[in-house]
Structure formats: C-alpha cells, structure tokens
N, C-alpha and C. Protein backbone atom coordinates (compact mmCIF):
# COMPACT_ATOMS: atom_id res chain seq x y z
N UNK A 1 -27.37 50.82 -12.14
CA UNK A 1 -28.24 49.79 -12.81
C UNK A 1 -27.60 49.09 -13.83
N UNK A 2 -26.50 49.67 -14.61
CA UNK A 2 -25.83 48.77 -15.42
C UNK A 2 -25.00 47.74 -14.88
N UNK A 3 -24.46 47.93 -13.69
CA UNK A 3 -23.80 46.89 -12.97
C UNK A 3 -24.63 45.78 -12.54
N UNK A 4 -25.91 46.09 -12.08
CA UNK A 4 -26.84 45.01 -11.73
C UNK A 4 -27.15 44.16 -12.94
N UNK A 5 -27.53 44.73 -14.14
CA UNK A 5 -27.79 44.06 -15.35
C UNK A 5 -26.63 43.15 -15.77
N UNK A 6 -25.49 43.65 -15.69
CA UNK A 6 -24.34 42.95 -16.10
C UNK A 6 -24.07 41.75 -15.17
N UNK A 7 -24.21 41.97 -13.94
CA UNK A 7 -24.11 40.88 -12.85
C UNK A 7 -25.18 39.81 -13.20
N UNK A 8 -26.41 40.16 -13.27
CA UNK A 8 -27.55 39.42 -13.52
C UNK A 8 -27.44 38.45 -14.70
N UNK A 9 -26.88 39.13 -15.91
CA UNK A 9 -26.78 38.43 -17.00
C UNK A 9 -25.74 37.44 -16.90
N UNK A 10 -24.52 37.83 -16.30
CA UNK A 10 -23.46 36.81 -16.12
C UNK A 10 -23.94 35.65 -15.26
N UNK A 11 -24.72 35.97 -14.20
CA UNK A 11 -25.22 34.72 -13.47
C UNK A 11 -26.18 33.87 -14.20
N UNK A 12 -26.96 34.48 -15.11
CA UNK A 12 -27.83 33.62 -15.91
C UNK A 12 -27.07 32.84 -16.90
N UNK A 13 -26.03 33.40 -17.49
CA UNK A 13 -25.13 32.70 -18.46
C UNK A 13 -24.54 31.59 -17.83
N UNK A 14 -24.02 31.71 -16.56
CA UNK A 14 -23.30 30.61 -15.82
C UNK A 14 -24.24 29.50 -15.45
N UNK A 15 -25.48 29.89 -15.16
CA UNK A 15 -26.53 28.88 -14.83
C UNK A 15 -26.78 28.09 -16.06
N UNK A 16 -26.98 28.66 -17.18
CA UNK A 16 -27.30 27.96 -18.50
C UNK A 16 -26.13 27.07 -18.83
N UNK A 17 -24.86 27.53 -18.69
CA UNK A 17 -23.81 26.68 -19.15
C UNK A 17 -23.54 25.48 -18.17
N UNK A 18 -24.05 25.62 -16.99
CA UNK A 18 -23.78 24.55 -16.07
C UNK A 18 -24.85 23.40 -16.13
N UNK A 19 -25.88 23.56 -16.71
CA UNK A 19 -26.86 22.49 -16.94
C UNK A 19 -26.45 21.44 -17.87
N UNK A 20 -25.86 21.68 -19.05
CA UNK A 20 -25.38 20.59 -19.85
C UNK A 20 -24.27 19.77 -19.35
N UNK A 21 -23.41 20.45 -18.43
CA UNK A 21 -22.29 19.88 -17.85
C UNK A 21 -22.68 18.72 -16.95
N UNK A 22 -23.77 18.95 -16.20
CA UNK A 22 -24.22 17.99 -15.14
C UNK A 22 -24.95 16.77 -15.90
N UNK A 23 -25.66 17.00 -17.03
CA UNK A 23 -26.23 15.97 -17.76
C UNK A 23 -25.27 14.96 -18.39
N UNK A 24 -24.16 15.51 -18.92
CA UNK A 24 -23.23 14.52 -19.58
C UNK A 24 -22.50 13.71 -18.29
N UNK A 25 -22.26 14.41 -17.32
CA UNK A 25 -21.55 13.61 -16.11
C UNK A 25 -22.50 12.40 -15.68
N UNK A 26 -23.76 12.69 -15.52
CA UNK A 26 -24.70 11.72 -14.97
C UNK A 26 -24.82 10.60 -16.02
N UNK A 27 -24.74 10.93 -17.35
CA UNK A 27 -24.94 9.92 -18.35
C UNK A 27 -23.73 8.98 -18.51
N UNK A 28 -22.53 9.43 -18.07
CA UNK A 28 -21.25 8.71 -18.17
C UNK A 28 -21.23 7.53 -17.14
N UNK A 29 -22.16 7.43 -16.20
CA UNK A 29 -22.12 6.48 -15.14
C UNK A 29 -22.25 5.08 -15.68
N UNK A 30 -23.24 4.81 -16.64
CA UNK A 30 -23.45 3.57 -17.28
C UNK A 30 -24.45 2.82 -16.49
N UNK A 31 -25.02 1.67 -17.06
CA UNK A 31 -26.05 0.95 -16.46
C UNK A 31 -25.59 0.08 -15.25
N UNK A 32 -24.28 -0.48 -15.35
CA UNK A 32 -23.82 -1.24 -14.23
C UNK A 32 -23.79 -0.46 -12.99
N UNK A 33 -23.16 0.84 -12.97
CA UNK A 33 -23.10 1.60 -11.80
C UNK A 33 -24.57 1.85 -11.25
N UNK A 34 -25.54 2.16 -12.14
CA UNK A 34 -26.89 2.34 -11.62
C UNK A 34 -27.57 1.14 -10.89
N UNK A 35 -27.10 -0.05 -11.36
CA UNK A 35 -27.66 -1.28 -10.77
C UNK A 35 -27.07 -1.43 -9.34
N UNK A 36 -25.81 -1.07 -9.28
CA UNK A 36 -25.05 -1.39 -7.96
C UNK A 36 -25.67 -0.22 -6.93
N UNK A 37 -25.90 0.93 -7.33
CA UNK A 37 -26.49 1.96 -6.55
C UNK A 37 -27.82 1.58 -6.00
N UNK A 38 -28.66 1.02 -6.98
CA UNK A 38 -30.01 0.65 -6.52
C UNK A 38 -29.99 -0.51 -5.65
N UNK A 39 -28.99 -1.46 -5.87
CA UNK A 39 -29.05 -2.70 -5.06
C UNK A 39 -28.53 -2.28 -3.63
N UNK A 40 -27.68 -1.36 -3.38
CA UNK A 40 -27.23 -0.92 -2.15
C UNK A 40 -28.17 0.00 -1.39
N UNK A 41 -28.96 0.61 -1.99
CA UNK A 41 -29.82 1.62 -1.35
C UNK A 41 -31.21 0.78 -0.88
N UNK A 42 -31.54 0.92 0.26
CA UNK A 42 -32.84 0.37 0.73
C UNK A 42 -33.53 1.54 1.46
N UNK A 43 -34.90 1.59 1.35
CA UNK A 43 -35.67 2.70 1.96
C UNK A 43 -35.92 2.15 3.40
N UNK A 44 -35.60 2.99 4.42
CA UNK A 44 -35.92 2.71 5.79
C UNK A 44 -37.46 2.80 6.11
N UNK A 45 -37.73 1.85 6.88
CA UNK A 45 -39.14 1.69 7.27
C UNK A 45 -39.43 2.73 8.44
N UNK A 46 -40.39 3.66 8.09
CA UNK A 46 -40.68 4.76 9.01
C UNK A 46 -41.90 4.52 9.81
N UNK A 47 -42.72 3.51 9.38
CA UNK A 47 -44.09 3.30 10.19
C UNK A 47 -44.04 1.82 10.63
N UNK A 48 -45.13 1.62 11.44
CA UNK A 48 -45.37 0.27 11.86
C UNK A 48 -46.24 -0.56 10.77
N UNK A 49 -45.64 -1.54 10.14
CA UNK A 49 -46.39 -2.31 9.13
C UNK A 49 -47.47 -3.13 9.83
N UNK A 50 -48.58 -3.41 9.17
CA UNK A 50 -49.66 -4.23 9.74
C UNK A 50 -49.17 -5.60 10.12
N UNK A 51 -48.36 -6.16 9.33
CA UNK A 51 -47.95 -7.60 9.58
C UNK A 51 -47.18 -7.47 10.74
N UNK A 52 -46.18 -6.54 10.97
CA UNK A 52 -45.31 -6.61 12.15
C UNK A 52 -46.18 -6.35 13.39
N UNK A 53 -47.16 -5.51 13.29
CA UNK A 53 -48.03 -5.35 14.56
C UNK A 53 -48.77 -6.61 14.96
N UNK A 54 -49.27 -7.35 13.86
CA UNK A 54 -50.06 -8.60 14.15
C UNK A 54 -48.97 -9.60 14.81
N UNK A 55 -47.75 -9.66 14.15
CA UNK A 55 -46.72 -10.70 14.78
C UNK A 55 -46.50 -10.27 16.20
N UNK A 56 -46.28 -8.98 16.56
CA UNK A 56 -46.06 -8.60 18.00
C UNK A 56 -47.13 -8.85 18.96
N UNK A 57 -48.35 -8.76 18.38
CA UNK A 57 -49.66 -9.05 19.19
C UNK A 57 -49.66 -10.46 19.50
N UNK A 58 -49.34 -11.36 18.46
CA UNK A 58 -49.32 -12.78 18.70
C UNK A 58 -48.19 -13.15 19.72
N UNK A 59 -47.06 -12.42 19.62
CA UNK A 59 -46.04 -12.67 20.72
C UNK A 59 -46.46 -12.28 22.00
N UNK A 60 -47.43 -11.33 22.10
CA UNK A 60 -47.88 -10.90 23.47
C UNK A 60 -49.03 -11.85 23.87
N UNK A 61 -49.38 -12.81 23.10
CA UNK A 61 -50.36 -13.86 23.49
C UNK A 61 -51.70 -13.82 22.79
N UNK A 62 -52.02 -12.81 21.89
CA UNK A 62 -53.31 -12.82 21.27
C UNK A 62 -53.33 -13.93 20.18
N UNK A 63 -54.49 -14.66 20.14
CA UNK A 63 -54.72 -15.55 19.12
C UNK A 63 -55.75 -14.94 18.20
N UNK A 64 -55.66 -15.34 16.94
CA UNK A 64 -56.68 -14.73 15.94
C UNK A 64 -56.63 -13.23 15.83
N UNK A 65 -55.26 -12.72 15.84
CA UNK A 65 -55.06 -11.25 15.91
C UNK A 65 -55.34 -10.75 14.46
N UNK A 66 -56.05 -9.58 14.52
CA UNK A 66 -56.40 -8.91 13.34
C UNK A 66 -56.26 -7.35 13.58
N UNK A 67 -55.97 -6.57 12.56
CA UNK A 67 -55.94 -5.23 12.63
C UNK A 67 -57.33 -4.63 12.56
N UNK A 68 -57.79 -3.80 13.67
CA UNK A 68 -59.21 -3.30 13.72
C UNK A 68 -59.09 -1.87 13.35
N UNK A 69 -57.94 -1.19 13.61
CA UNK A 69 -58.00 0.28 13.32
C UNK A 69 -56.63 0.66 12.97
N UNK A 70 -56.34 1.51 11.98
CA UNK A 70 -55.08 1.95 11.56
C UNK A 70 -55.18 3.53 11.30
N UNK A 71 -54.43 4.28 11.95
CA UNK A 71 -54.38 5.79 11.69
C UNK A 71 -53.06 6.21 11.55
N UNK A 72 -52.83 7.30 11.23
CA UNK A 72 -51.34 7.91 11.20
C UNK A 72 -50.63 7.88 12.56
N UNK A 73 -51.26 7.74 13.68
CA UNK A 73 -50.66 7.70 15.00
C UNK A 73 -50.72 6.32 15.56
N UNK A 74 -51.72 5.50 15.50
CA UNK A 74 -51.86 4.17 16.18
C UNK A 74 -52.13 3.07 15.27
N UNK A 75 -51.94 1.92 15.59
CA UNK A 75 -52.37 0.60 14.99
C UNK A 75 -52.94 -0.19 16.15
N UNK A 76 -54.29 -0.55 16.01
CA UNK A 76 -54.86 -1.41 16.98
C UNK A 76 -55.12 -2.72 16.49
N UNK A 77 -54.71 -3.74 17.39
CA UNK A 77 -54.95 -5.21 16.97
C UNK A 77 -55.71 -5.85 18.00
N UNK A 78 -56.78 -6.44 17.47
CA UNK A 78 -57.66 -7.15 18.38
C UNK A 78 -57.67 -8.67 18.22
N UNK A 79 -57.77 -9.40 19.30
CA UNK A 79 -57.76 -10.88 19.19
C UNK A 79 -58.29 -11.40 20.50
N UNK A 80 -58.02 -12.70 20.63
CA UNK A 80 -58.53 -13.50 21.95
C UNK A 80 -57.21 -13.82 22.70
N UNK A 81 -57.38 -13.70 23.99
CA UNK A 81 -56.32 -14.33 24.92
C UNK A 81 -56.99 -15.26 25.89
N UNK A 82 -56.32 -15.51 27.05
CA UNK A 82 -56.96 -16.54 27.92
C UNK A 82 -58.28 -16.08 28.47
N UNK A 83 -58.37 -14.72 28.77
CA UNK A 83 -59.60 -14.28 29.31
C UNK A 83 -60.72 -13.84 28.44
N UNK A 84 -60.56 -13.85 27.17
CA UNK A 84 -61.45 -13.41 26.24
C UNK A 84 -61.01 -12.38 25.21
N UNK A 85 -61.91 -11.59 24.68
CA UNK A 85 -61.46 -10.60 23.75
C UNK A 85 -60.48 -9.54 24.33
N UNK A 86 -59.53 -9.19 23.62
CA UNK A 86 -58.58 -8.18 24.03
C UNK A 86 -58.01 -7.38 22.83
N UNK A 87 -57.61 -6.22 23.16
CA UNK A 87 -56.94 -5.49 22.03
C UNK A 87 -55.68 -4.71 22.51
N UNK A 88 -54.73 -4.58 21.63
CA UNK A 88 -53.49 -4.00 21.90
C UNK A 88 -53.25 -2.79 20.95
N UNK A 89 -52.70 -1.72 21.49
CA UNK A 89 -52.48 -0.53 20.68
C UNK A 89 -51.07 -0.35 20.52
N UNK A 90 -50.55 -0.20 19.39
CA UNK A 90 -49.28 0.11 19.00
C UNK A 90 -49.10 1.57 18.48
N UNK A 91 -47.98 2.26 18.61
CA UNK A 91 -47.76 3.38 17.93
C UNK A 91 -47.32 3.13 16.50
N UNK A 92 -47.84 4.03 15.70
CA UNK A 92 -47.47 3.85 14.11
C UNK A 92 -46.07 4.56 13.86
N UNK A 93 -45.17 3.92 14.48
CA UNK A 93 -43.74 4.46 14.14
C UNK A 93 -42.84 3.15 14.13
N UNK A 94 -41.63 3.37 13.65
CA UNK A 94 -40.73 2.16 13.33
C UNK A 94 -40.61 1.41 14.67
N UNK A 95 -40.83 0.03 14.52
CA UNK A 95 -40.61 -0.91 15.69
C UNK A 95 -41.81 -1.15 16.35
N UNK A 96 -42.90 -0.42 16.09
CA UNK A 96 -44.30 -0.66 16.58
C UNK A 96 -44.22 -0.85 18.13
N UNK A 97 -43.89 0.28 18.97
CA UNK A 97 -43.81 0.28 20.33
C UNK A 97 -45.30 0.12 20.88
N UNK A 98 -45.39 -0.58 22.04
CA UNK A 98 -46.60 -0.84 22.64
C UNK A 98 -47.17 0.47 23.42
N UNK A 99 -48.36 0.89 23.06
CA UNK A 99 -48.93 2.07 23.90
C UNK A 99 -49.77 1.54 24.99
N UNK A 100 -50.67 0.70 24.76
CA UNK A 100 -51.57 0.21 25.78
C UNK A 100 -52.10 -1.15 25.55
N UNK A 101 -52.39 -1.88 26.56
CA UNK A 101 -52.86 -3.28 26.32
C UNK A 101 -54.24 -3.41 26.88
C-alpha cells in the first residue's frame, strides 16, 4: 500500500510541475508567430455549401435555381430547365456529388 501511495504522489507531483512548463513555452511564441500560424491554417470544407450546389445546378442547365431542402445528408436544388420544373439532389459532402436528377 505504501508503494502505491508513493508512486501516486510522485505522479501527481510530476503532473503539477509539468503544467507551468507548458504555459511558459507557449507564451514565448509571440504575436508574429501566432499570426503566421493562423494565416497558414485553413479549415477544410466538409459539407456541400448551398452556393456551390446552386452553381453546380446552374451548370447542369437549371435556371432560377434555389435550395428547396437541406438536410445532413442531401441538398435539393429546384429550378426550371427546357422541359419545365426540375430538381437535382446533391449529397451533402465535400464536392456536392450528384445523387439524382
């Protein structure tokens, strides 16, 4: 039991000593380094944006294209083509792949 308490207290002491060491290292970076890191990092697009879906629908020949339904899985765009009203369904993932027309 004494060995367990000794090891647990040593682990707690090491954990408490490591916290201030990480804070001082992060603070030494300075504002210029933070700006460069933020400028280089961009967040990847993981879903189909509504504007991208409308642009793709217009490329497929829909005029007056509008988003009619958007769910976590699909984006539905409706508009007019040569034959009348039509709708196109895109998957709600990166690149907006066509599901059905």
